[in-house]
């Protein structure tokens, strides 16, 4: 059970780095239009989209929704996973 929790936490950690890479790609012209950019966008955009609907860009240009997404991903999701696994441990034994 602890191994599965460890793997899930590592996946969350890796996914947060993918989001950071995707954000940084917006600073380089054409990076998101590359094959890697499209691939990364297909992985990252479904998670970012709900945050973009809630948090509008500042001045119509600066998108801060990825910051909120990263905070949720780095703090709330791991804590939630740890809590779920501790409850499951209590049921299993």
PDB file of N, CA and C in Angstrom:
ATOM      1  N   UNK A   1       0.836  -1.188   0.000  1.00  0.00           N
ATOM      2  CA  UNK A   1       0.000   0.000   0.000  1.00  0.00           C
ATOM      3  C   UNK A   1       0.885   1.258   0.000  1.00  0.00           C
ATOM      4  N   UNK A   2       1.948   1.238   0.803  1.00  0.00           N
ATOM      5  CA  UNK A   2       2.844   2.395   0.852  1.00  0.00           C
ATOM      6  C   UNK A   2       3.575   2.591  -0.475  1.00  0.00           C
ATOM      7  N   UNK A   3       3.868   1.493  -1.149  1.00  0.00           N
ATOM      8  CA  UNK A   3       4.530   1.578  -2.444  1.00  0.00           C
ATOM      9  C   UNK A   3       3.630   2.286  -3.461  1.00  0.00           C
ATOM     10  N   UNK A   4       2.365   1.936  -3.467  1.00  0.00           N
ATOM     11  CA  UNK A   4       1.412   2.574  -4.385  1.00  0.00           C
ATOM     12  C   UNK A   4       1.281   4.071  -4.087  1.00  0.00           C
ATOM     13  N   UNK A   5       1.213   4.420  -2.810  1.00  0.00           N
ATOM     14  CA  UNK A   5       1.148   5.828  -2.428  1.00  0.00           C
ATOM     15  C   UNK A   5       2.399   6.560  -2.894  1.00  0.00           C
ATOM     16  N   UNK A   6       3.554   5.966  -2.708  1.00  0.00           N
ATOM     17  CA  UNK A   6       4.806   6.566  -3.147  1.00  0.00           C
ATOM     18  C   UNK A   6       4.841   6.787  -4.647  1.00  0.00           C
ATOM     19  N   UNK A   7       4.356   5.826  -5.393  1.00  0.00           N
ATOM     20  CA  UNK A   7       4.324   5.942  -6.856  1.00  0.00           C
ATOM     21  C   UNK A   7       3.379   7.070  -7.274  1.00  0.00           C
ATOM     22  N   UNK A   8       2.198   7.134  -6.660  1.00  0.00           N
ATOM     23  CA  UNK A   8       1.236   8.182  -6.995  1.00  0.00           C
ATOM     24  C   UNK A   8       1.785   9.566  -6.653  1.00  0.00           C
ATOM     25  N   UNK A   9       2.456   9.686  -5.520  1.00  0.00           N
ATOM     26  CA  UNK A   9       3.038  10.974  -5.147  1.00  0.00           C
ATOM     27  C   UNK A   9       4.143  11.380  -6.115  1.00  0.00           C
ATOM     28  N   UNK A  10       4.939  10.421  -6.577  1.00  0.00           N
ATOM     29  CA  UNK A  10       5.971  10.727  -7.569  1.00  0.00           C
ATOM     30  C   UNK A  10       5.355  11.158  -8.897  1.00  0.00           C
ATOM     31  N   UNK A  11       4.260  10.523  -9.282  1.00  0.00           N
ATOM     32  CA  UNK A  11       3.573  10.916 -10.517  1.00  0.00           C
ATOM     33  C   UNK A  11       3.022  12.339 -10.425  1.00  0.00           C
ATOM     34  N   UNK A  12       2.489  12.707  -9.273  1.00  0.00           N
ATOM     35  CA  UNK A  12       2.011  14.077  -9.070  1.00  0.00           C
ATOM     36  C   UNK A  12       3.176  15.046  -9.181  1.00  0.00           C
ATOM     37  N   UNK A  13       4.306  14.697  -8.596  1.00  0.00           N
ATOM     38  CA  UNK A  13       5.505  15.529  -8.634  1.00  0.00           C
ATOM     39  C   UNK A  13       5.999  15.705 -10.077  1.00  0.00           C
ATOM     40  N   UNK A  14       6.034  14.635 -10.840  1.00  0.00           N
ATOM     41  CA  UNK A  14       6.464  14.685 -12.245  1.00  0.00           C
ATOM     42  C   UNK A  14       5.483  15.508 -13.075  1.00  0.00           C
ATOM     43  N   UNK A  15       4.186  15.324 -12.831  1.00  0.00           N
ATOM     44  CA  UNK A  15       3.168  16.071 -13.574  1.00  0.00           C
ATOM     45  C   UNK A  15       3.306  17.571 -13.326  1.00  0.00           C
ATOM     46  N   UNK A  16       3.647  17.944 -12.095  1.00  0.00           N
ATOM     47  CA  UNK A  16       3.826  19.371 -11.813  1.00  0.00           C
ATOM     48  C   UNK A  16       5.008  19.935 -12.598  1.00  0.00           C
ATOM     49  N   UNK A  17       6.056  19.147 -12.781  1.00  0.00           N
ATOM     50  CA  UNK A  17       7.177  19.601 -13.602  1.00  0.00           C
ATOM     51  C   UNK A  17       6.782  19.708 -15.071  1.00  0.00           C
ATOM     52  N   UNK A  18       5.912  18.828 -15.545  1.00  0.00           N
ATOM     53  CA  UNK A  18       5.426  18.929 -16.922  1.00  0.00           C
ATOM     54  C   UNK A  18       4.641  20.223 -17.119  1.00  0.00           C
ATOM     55  N   UNK A  19       3.867  20.610 -16.115  1.00  0.00           N
ATOM     56  CA  UNK A  19       3.129  21.874 -16.198  1.00  0.00           C
ATOM     57  C   UNK A  19       4.098  23.043 -16.251  1.00  0.00           C
ATOM     58  N   UNK A  20       5.131  23.011 -15.432  1.00  0.00           N
ATOM     59  CA  UNK A  20       6.132  24.084 -15.430  1.00  0.00           C
ATOM     60  C   UNK A  20       6.824  24.183 -16.787  1.00  0.00           C
ATOM     61  N   UNK A  21       7.188  23.048 -17.350  1.00  0.00           N
ATOM     62  CA  UNK A  21       7.821  23.045 -18.676  1.00  0.00           C
ATOM     63  C   UNK A  21       6.876  23.631 -19.715  1.00  0.00           C
ATOM     64  N   UNK A  22       5.604  23.256 -19.646  1.00  0.00           N
ATOM     65  CA  UNK A  22       4.617  23.759 -20.592  1.00  0.00           C
ATOM     66  C   UNK A  22       4.455  25.265 -20.465  1.00  0.00           C
ATOM     67  N   UNK A  23       4.449  25.764 -19.243  1.00  0.00           N
ATOM     68  CA  UNK A  23       4.344  27.210 -19.016  1.00  0.00           C
ATOM     69  C   UNK A  23       5.569  27.914 -19.595  1.00  0.00           C
ATOM     70  N   UNK A  24       6.753  27.387 -19.337  1.00  0.00           N
ATOM     71  CA  UNK A  24       7.979  28.004 -19.827  1.00  0.00           C
ATOM     72  C   UNK A  24       8.056  27.983 -21.354  1.00  0.00           C
ATOM     73  N   UNK A  25       7.428  26.994 -21.974  1.00  0.00           N
ATOM     74  CA  UNK A  25       7.422  26.914 -23.429  1.00  0.00           C
ATOM     75  C   UNK A  25       6.705  28.107 -24.063  1.00  0.00           C
ATOM     76  N   UNK A  26       5.807  28.754 -23.312  1.00  0.00           N
ATOM     77  CA  UNK A  26       5.092  29.904 -23.863  1.00  0.00           C
ATOM     78  C   UNK A  26       6.026  31.099 -24.049  1.00  0.00           C
ATOM     79  N   UNK A  27       7.182  31.087 -23.424  1.00  0.00           N
ATOM     80  CA  UNK A  27       8.144  32.180 -23.558  1.00  0.00           C
ATOM     81  C   UNK A  27       8.947  32.085 -24.846  1.00  0.00           C
ATOM     82  N   UNK A  28       8.929  30.932 -25.487  1.00  0.00           N
ATOM     83  CA  UNK A  28       9.716  30.713 -26.703  1.00  0.00           C
ATOM     84  C   UNK A  28       8.777  30.595 -27.902  1.00  0.00           C
ATOM     85  N   UNK A  29       8.954  31.475 -28.893  1.00  0.00           N
ATOM     86  CA  UNK A  29       8.075  31.456 -30.061  1.00  0.00           C
ATOM     87  C   UNK A  29       8.091  30.090 -30.770  1.00  0.00           C
ATOM     88  N   UNK A  30       6.918  29.571 -31.000  1.00  0.00           N
ATOM     89  CA  UNK A  30       6.797  28.325 -31.745  1.00  0.00           C
ATOM     90  C   UNK A  30       7.021  27.061 -30.938  1.00  0.00           C
ATOM     91  N   UNK A  31       7.393  27.177 -29.672  1.00  0.00           N
ATOM     92  CA  UNK A  31       7.681  25.978 -28.882  1.00  0.00           C
ATOM     93  C   UNK A  31       6.425  25.134 -28.657  1.00  0.00           C
ATOM     94  N   UNK A  32       5.316  25.794 -28.409  1.00  0.00           N
ATOM     95  CA  UNK A  32       4.081  25.030 -28.183  1.00  0.00           C
ATOM     96  C   UNK A  32       3.512  24.458 -29.473  1.00  0.00           C
ATOM     97  N   UNK A  33       3.955  24.983 -30.605  1.00  0.00           N
ATOM     98  CA  UNK A  33       3.490  24.469 -31.890  1.00  0.00           C
ATOM     99  C   UNK A  33       4.343  23.312 -32.383  1.00  0.00           C
ATOM    100  N   UNK A  34       5.365  22.955 -31.636  1.00  0.00           N
ATOM    101  CA  UNK A  34       6.199  21.809 -32.012  1.00  0.00           C
ATOM    102  C   UNK A  34       5.469  20.514 -31.654  1.00  0.00           C
ATOM    103  N   UNK A  35       6.003  19.418 -32.121  1.00  0.00           N
ATOM    104  CA  UNK A  35       5.391  18.119 -31.831  1.00  0.00           C
ATOM    105  C   UNK A  35       5.395  17.853 -30.329  1.00  0.00           C
ATOM    106  N   UNK A  36       6.498  18.194 -29.655  1.00  0.00           N
ATOM    107  CA  UNK A  36       6.575  18.019 -28.209  1.00  0.00           C
ATOM    108  C   UNK A  36       5.586  18.945 -27.508  1.00  0.00           C
ATOM    109  N   UNK A  37       5.442  20.173 -28.012  1.00  0.00           N
ATOM    110  CA  UNK A  37       4.498  21.120 -27.426  1.00  0.00           C
ATOM    111  C   UNK A  37       3.062  20.634 -27.515  1.00  0.00           C
ATOM    112  N   UNK A  38       2.694  20.085 -28.659  1.00  0.00           N
ATOM    113  CA  UNK A  38       1.348  19.522 -28.808  1.00  0.00           C
ATOM    114  C   UNK A  38       1.134  18.332 -27.878  1.00  0.00           C
ATOM    115  N   UNK A  39       2.145  17.483 -27.781  1.00  0.00           N
ATOM    116  CA  UNK A  39       2.049  16.316 -26.892  1.00  0.00           C
ATOM    117  C   UNK A  39       1.881  16.769 -25.448  1.00  0.00           C
ATOM    118  N   UNK A  40       2.725  17.702 -25.021  1.00  0.00           N
ATOM    119  CA  UNK A  40       2.661  18.191 -23.651  1.00  0.00           C
ATOM    120  C   UNK A  40       1.342  18.908 -23.389  1.00  0.00           C
ATOM    121  N   UNK A  41       0.874  19.666 -24.369  1.00  0.00           N
ATOM    122  CA  UNK A  41      -0.412  20.343 -24.237  1.00  0.00           C
ATOM    123  C   UNK A  41      -1.565  19.368 -24.066  1.00  0.00           C
ATOM    124  N   UNK A  42      -1.509  18.254 -24.763  1.00  0.00           N
ATOM    125  CA  UNK A  42      -2.579  17.258 -24.640  1.00  0.00           C
ATOM    126  C   UNK A  42      -2.601  16.615 -23.258  1.00  0.00           C
ATOM    127  N   UNK A  43      -1.471  16.633 -22.581  1.00  0.00           N
ATOM    128  CA  UNK A  43      -1.386  16.063 -21.238  1.00  0.00           C
ATOM    129  C   UNK A  43      -1.756  17.105 -20.181  1.00  0.00           C
ATOM    130  N   UNK A  44      -1.329  18.343 -20.375  1.00  0.00           N
ATOM    131  CA  UNK A  44      -1.427  19.378 -19.348  1.00  0.00           C
ATOM    132  C   UNK A  44      -2.722  20.196 -19.442  1.00  0.00           C
ATOM    133  N   UNK A  45      -3.162  20.507 -20.645  1.00  0.00           N
ATOM    134  CA  UNK A  45      -4.323  21.390 -20.823  1.00  0.00           C
ATOM    135  C   UNK A  45      -5.599  20.889 -20.139  1.00  0.00           C
ATOM    136  N   UNK A  46      -5.914  19.594 -20.134  1.00  0.00           N
ATOM    137  CA  UNK A  46      -7.141  19.166 -19.435  1.00  0.00           C
ATOM    138  C   UNK A  46      -7.137  19.516 -17.945  1.00  0.00           C
ATOM    139  N   UNK A  47      -5.968  19.528 -17.318  1.00  0.00           N
ATOM    140  CA  UNK A  47      -5.890  19.910 -15.908  1.00  0.00           C
ATOM    141  C   UNK A  47      -5.957  21.430 -15.734  1.00  0.00           C
ATOM    142  N   UNK A  48      -5.367  22.181 -16.656  1.00  0.00           N
ATOM    143  CA  UNK A  48      -5.332  23.638 -16.542  1.00  0.00           C
ATOM    144  C   UNK A  48      -6.659  24.296 -16.920  1.00  0.00           C
ATOM    145  N   UNK A  49      -7.420  23.663 -17.785  1.00  0.00           N
ATOM    146  CA  UNK A  49      -8.641  24.268 -18.318  1.00  0.00           C
ATOM    147  C   UNK A  49      -9.644  24.701 -17.249  1.00  0.00           C
ATOM    148  N   UNK A  50      -9.959  23.885 -16.237  1.00  0.00           N
ATOM    149  CA  UNK A  50     -10.910  24.356 -15.217  1.00  0.00           C
ATOM    150  C   UNK A  50     -10.402  25.589 -14.456  1.00  0.00           C
ATOM    151  N   UNK A  51      -9.107  25.665 -14.235  1.00  0.00           N
ATOM    152  CA  UNK A  51      -8.550  26.828 -13.548  1.00  0.00           C
ATOM    153  C   UNK A  51      -8.651  28.074 -14.419  1.00  0.00           C
ATOM    154  N   UNK A  52      -8.499  27.910 -15.711  1.00  0.00           N
ATOM    155  CA  UNK A  52      -8.612  29.044 -16.637  1.00  0.00           C
ATOM    156  C   UNK A  52     -10.040  29.554 -16.715  1.00  0.00           C
ATOM    157  N   UNK A  53     -11.014  28.676 -16.532  1.00  0.00           N
ATOM    158  CA  UNK A  53     -12.405  29.107 -16.535  1.00  0.00           C
ATOM    159  C   UNK A  53     -12.731  29.924 -15.289  1.00  0.00           C
ATOM    160  N   UNK A  54     -12.078  29.609 -14.174  1.00  0.00           N
ATOM    161  CA  UNK A  54     -12.347  30.282 -12.903  1.00  0.00           C
ATOM    162  C   UNK A  54     -11.547  31.577 -12.773  1.00  0.00           C
ATOM    163  N   UNK A  55     -10.271  31.552 -13.168  1.00  0.00           N
ATOM    164  CA  UNK A  55      -9.371  32.686 -12.978  1.00  0.00           C
ATOM    165  C   UNK A  55      -9.086  33.342 -14.332  1.00  0.00           C
ATOM    166  N   UNK A  56      -9.639  34.535 -14.556  1.00  0.00           N
ATOM    167  CA  UNK A  56      -9.381  35.204 -15.847  1.00  0.00           C
ATOM    168  C   UNK A  56      -7.960  35.771 -15.894  1.00  0.00           C
ATOM    169  N   UNK A  57      -7.419  35.942 -17.097  1.00  0.00           N
ATOM    170  CA  UNK A  57      -6.089  36.551 -17.224  1.00  0.00           C
ATOM    171  C   UNK A  57      -6.081  37.991 -16.715  1.00  0.00           C
ATOM    172  N   UNK A  58      -4.984  38.376 -16.120  1.00  0.00           N
ATOM    173  CA  UNK A  58      -4.837  39.749 -15.621  1.00  0.00           C
ATOM    174  C   UNK A  58      -4.572  40.664 -16.817  1.00  0.00           C
ATOM    175  N   UNK A  59      -5.372  41.687 -16.958  1.00  0.00           N
ATOM    176  CA  UNK A  59      -5.210  42.614 -18.076  1.00  0.00           C
ATOM    177  C   UNK A  59      -5.434  41.955 -19.419  1.00  0.00           C
ATOM    178  N   UNK A  60      -6.069  40.803 -19.419  1.00  0.00           N
ATOM    179  CA  UNK A  60      -6.320  40.088 -20.657  1.00  0.00           C
ATOM    180  C   UNK A  60      -5.092  39.418 -21.250  1.00  0.00           C
ATOM    181  N   UNK A  61      -3.953  39.494 -20.547  1.00  0.00           N
ATOM    182  CA  UNK A  61      -2.715  38.957 -21.124  1.00  0.00           C
ATOM    183  C   UNK A  61      -1.974  37.982 -20.216  1.00  0.00           C
ATOM    184  N   UNK A  62      -1.928  38.250 -18.924  1.00  0.00           N
ATOM    185  CA  UNK A  62      -1.121  37.431 -18.018  1.00  0.00           C
ATOM    186  C   UNK A  62      -2.003  36.374 -17.375  1.00  0.00           C
ATOM    187  N   UNK A  63      -1.722  35.130 -17.692  1.00  0.00           N
ATOM    188  CA  UNK A  63      -2.502  33.998 -17.205  1.00  0.00           C
ATOM    189  C   UNK A  63      -1.865  33.475 -15.918  1.00  0.00           C
ATOM    190  N   UNK A  64      -2.556  33.682 -14.786  1.00  0.00           N
ATOM    191  CA  UNK A  64      -2.028  33.194 -13.509  1.00  0.00           C
ATOM    192  C   UNK A  64      -2.697  31.894 -13.065  1.00  0.00           C
ATOM    193  N   UNK A  65      -3.604  31.374 -13.875  1.00  0.00           N
ATOM    194  CA  UNK A  65      -4.283  30.138 -13.511  1.00  0.00           C
ATOM    195  C   UNK A  65      -3.323  28.952 -13.340  1.00  0.00           C
ATOM    196  N   UNK A  66      -2.215  28.868 -14.096  1.00  0.00           N
ATOM    197  CA  UNK A  66      -1.293  27.756 -13.842  1.00  0.00           C
ATOM    198  C   UNK A  66      -0.671  27.789 -12.439  1.00  0.00           C
ATOM    199  N   UNK A  67      -0.555  28.980 -11.857  1.00  0.00           N
ATOM    200  CA  UNK A  67      -0.025  29.061 -10.491  1.00  0.00           C
ATOM    201  C   UNK A  67      -0.998  28.394  -9.526  1.00  0.00           C
ATOM    202  N   UNK A  68      -2.287  28.683  -9.683  1.00  0.00           N
ATOM    203  CA  UNK A  68      -3.299  28.045  -8.840  1.00  0.00           C
ATOM    204  C   UNK A  68      -3.316  26.538  -9.061  1.00  0.00           C
ATOM    205  N   UNK A  69      -3.196  26.128 -10.312  1.00  0.00           N
ATOM    206  CA  UNK A  69      -3.179  24.695 -10.625  1.00  0.00           C
ATOM    207  C   UNK A  69      -1.983  24.008  -9.971  1.00  0.00           C
ATOM    208  N   UNK A  70      -0.827  24.655 -10.023  1.00  0.00           N
ATOM    209  CA  UNK A  70       0.369  24.075  -9.396  1.00  0.00           C
ATOM    210  C   UNK A  70       0.226  24.004  -7.883  1.00  0.00           C
ATOM    211  N   UNK A  71      -0.373  25.012  -7.269  1.00  0.00           N
ATOM    212  CA  UNK A  71      -0.582  24.966  -5.819  1.00  0.00           C
ATOM    213  C   UNK A  71      -1.476  23.804  -5.428  1.00  0.00           C
ATOM    214  N   UNK A  72      -2.547  23.613  -6.181  1.00  0.00           N
ATOM    215  CA  UNK A  72      -3.435  22.473  -5.913  1.00  0.00           C
ATOM    216  C   UNK A  72      -2.691  21.165  -6.111  1.00  0.00           C
ATOM    217  N   UNK A  73      -1.949  21.081  -7.174  1.00  0.00           N
ATOM    218  CA  UNK A  73      -1.248  19.845  -7.506  1.00  0.00           C
ATOM    219  C   UNK A  73      -0.149  19.522  -6.498  1.00  0.00           C
ATOM    220  N   UNK A  74       0.557  20.521  -6.029  1.00  0.00           N
ATOM    221  CA  UNK A  74       1.697  20.279  -5.148  1.00  0.00           C
ATOM    222  C   UNK A  74       1.320  20.160  -3.676  1.00  0.00           C
ATOM    223  N   UNK A  75       0.185  20.754  -3.261  1.00  0.00           N
ATOM    224  CA  UNK A  75      -0.150  20.746  -1.844  1.00  0.00           C
ATOM    225  C   UNK A  75      -1.424  19.982  -1.510  1.00  0.00           C
ATOM    226  N   UNK A  76      -2.506  20.247  -2.223  1.00  0.00           N
ATOM    227  CA  UNK A  76      -3.776  19.627  -1.867  1.00  0.00           C
ATOM    228  C   UNK A  76      -3.882  18.166  -2.296  1.00  0.00           C
ATOM    229  N   UNK A  77      -3.481  17.866  -3.510  1.00  0.00           N
ATOM    230  CA  UNK A  77      -3.616  16.490  -3.994  1.00  0.00           C
ATOM    231  C   UNK A  77      -2.748  15.513  -3.192  1.00  0.00           C
ATOM    232  N   UNK A  78      -1.460  15.820  -2.928  1.00  0.00           N
ATOM    233  CA  UNK A  78      -0.682  14.879  -2.105  1.00  0.00           C
ATOM    234  C   UNK A  78      -1.268  14.683  -0.710  1.00  0.00           C
ATOM    235  N   UNK A  79      -1.725  15.755  -0.105  1.00  0.00           N
ATOM    236  CA  UNK A  79      -2.326  15.617   1.234  1.00  0.00           C
ATOM    237  C   UNK A  79      -3.592  14.778   1.182  1.00  0.00           C
ATOM    238  N   UNK A  80      -4.374  14.975   0.128  1.00  0.00           N
ATOM    239  CA  UNK A  80      -5.577  14.169  -0.042  1.00  0.00           C
ATOM    240  C   UNK A  80      -5.253  12.697  -0.248  1.00  0.00           C
ATOM    241  N   UNK A  81      -4.241  12.417  -1.062  1.00  0.00           N
ATOM    242  CA  UNK A  81      -3.830  11.024  -1.284  1.00  0.00           C
ATOM    243  C   UNK A  81      -3.354  10.381   0.012  1.00  0.00           C
ATOM    244  N   UNK A  82      -2.556  11.106   0.774  1.00  0.00           N
ATOM    245  CA  UNK A  82      -2.055  10.569   2.049  1.00  0.00           C
ATOM    246  C   UNK A  82      -3.217  10.280   2.994  1.00  0.00           C
ATOM    247  N   UNK A  83      -4.188  11.184   3.039  1.00  0.00           N
ATOM    248  CA  UNK A  83      -5.349  10.983   3.910  1.00  0.00           C
ATOM    249  C   UNK A  83      -6.181   9.778   3.462  1.00  0.00           C
ATOM    250  N   UNK A  84      -6.394   9.655   2.162  1.00  0.00           N
ATOM    251  CA  UNK A  84      -7.166   8.506   1.643  1.00  0.00           C
ATOM    252  C   UNK A  84      -6.462   7.202   1.970  1.00  0.00           C
ATOM    253  N   UNK A  85      -5.144   7.156   1.779  1.00  0.00           N
ATOM    254  CA  UNK A  85      -4.407   5.925   2.051  1.00  0.00           C
ATOM    255  C   UNK A  85      -4.379   5.613   3.544  1.00  0.00           C
ATOM    256  N   UNK A  86      -4.358   6.633   4.395  1.00  0.00           N
ATOM    257  CA  UNK A  86      -4.386   6.359   5.837  1.00  0.00           C
ATOM    258  C   UNK A  86      -5.750   5.808   6.255  1.00  0.00           C
ATOM    259  N   UNK A  87      -6.817   6.300   5.628  1.00  0.00           N
ATOM    260  CA  UNK A  87      -8.157   5.766   5.919  1.00  0.00           C
ATOM    261  C   UNK A  87      -8.249   4.333   5.432  1.00  0.00           C
ATOM    262  N   UNK A  88      -7.721   4.061   4.231  1.00  0.00           N
ATOM    263  CA  UNK A  88      -7.748   2.691   3.704  1.00  0.00           C
ATOM    264  C   UNK A  88      -6.942   1.745   4.571  1.00  0.00           C
ATOM    265  N   UNK A  89      -5.817   2.216   5.084  1.00  0.00           N
ATOM    266  CA  UNK A  89      -5.002   1.381   5.993  1.00  0.00           C
ATOM    267  C   UNK A  89      -5.810   1.008   7.239  1.00  0.00           C
ATOM    268  N   UNK A  90      -6.604   1.943   7.727  1.00  0.00           N
ATOM    269  CA  UNK A  90      -7.430   1.678   8.907  1.00  0.00           C
ATOM    270  C   UNK A  90      -8.477   0.607   8.639  1.00  0.00           C
ATOM    271  N   UNK A  91      -9.022   0.582   7.432  1.00  0.00           N
ATOM    272  CA  UNK A  91     -10.000  -0.433   7.078  1.00  0.00           C
ATOM    273  C   UNK A  91      -9.364  -1.792   6.842  1.00  0.00           C
ATOM    274  N   UNK A  92      -8.212  -1.788   6.201  1.00  0.00           N
ATOM    275  CA  UNK A  92      -7.559  -3.046   5.832  1.00  0.00           C
ATOM    276  C   UNK A  92      -6.870  -3.683   7.037  1.00  0.00           C
ATOM    277  N   UNK A  93      -6.272  -2.858   7.829  1.00  0.00           N
ATOM    278  CA  UNK A  93      -5.691  -3.512   8.972  1.00  0.00           C
ATOM    279  C   UNK A  93      -4.492  -2.867   9.481  1.00  0.00           C
TER     280      UNK A  93
END
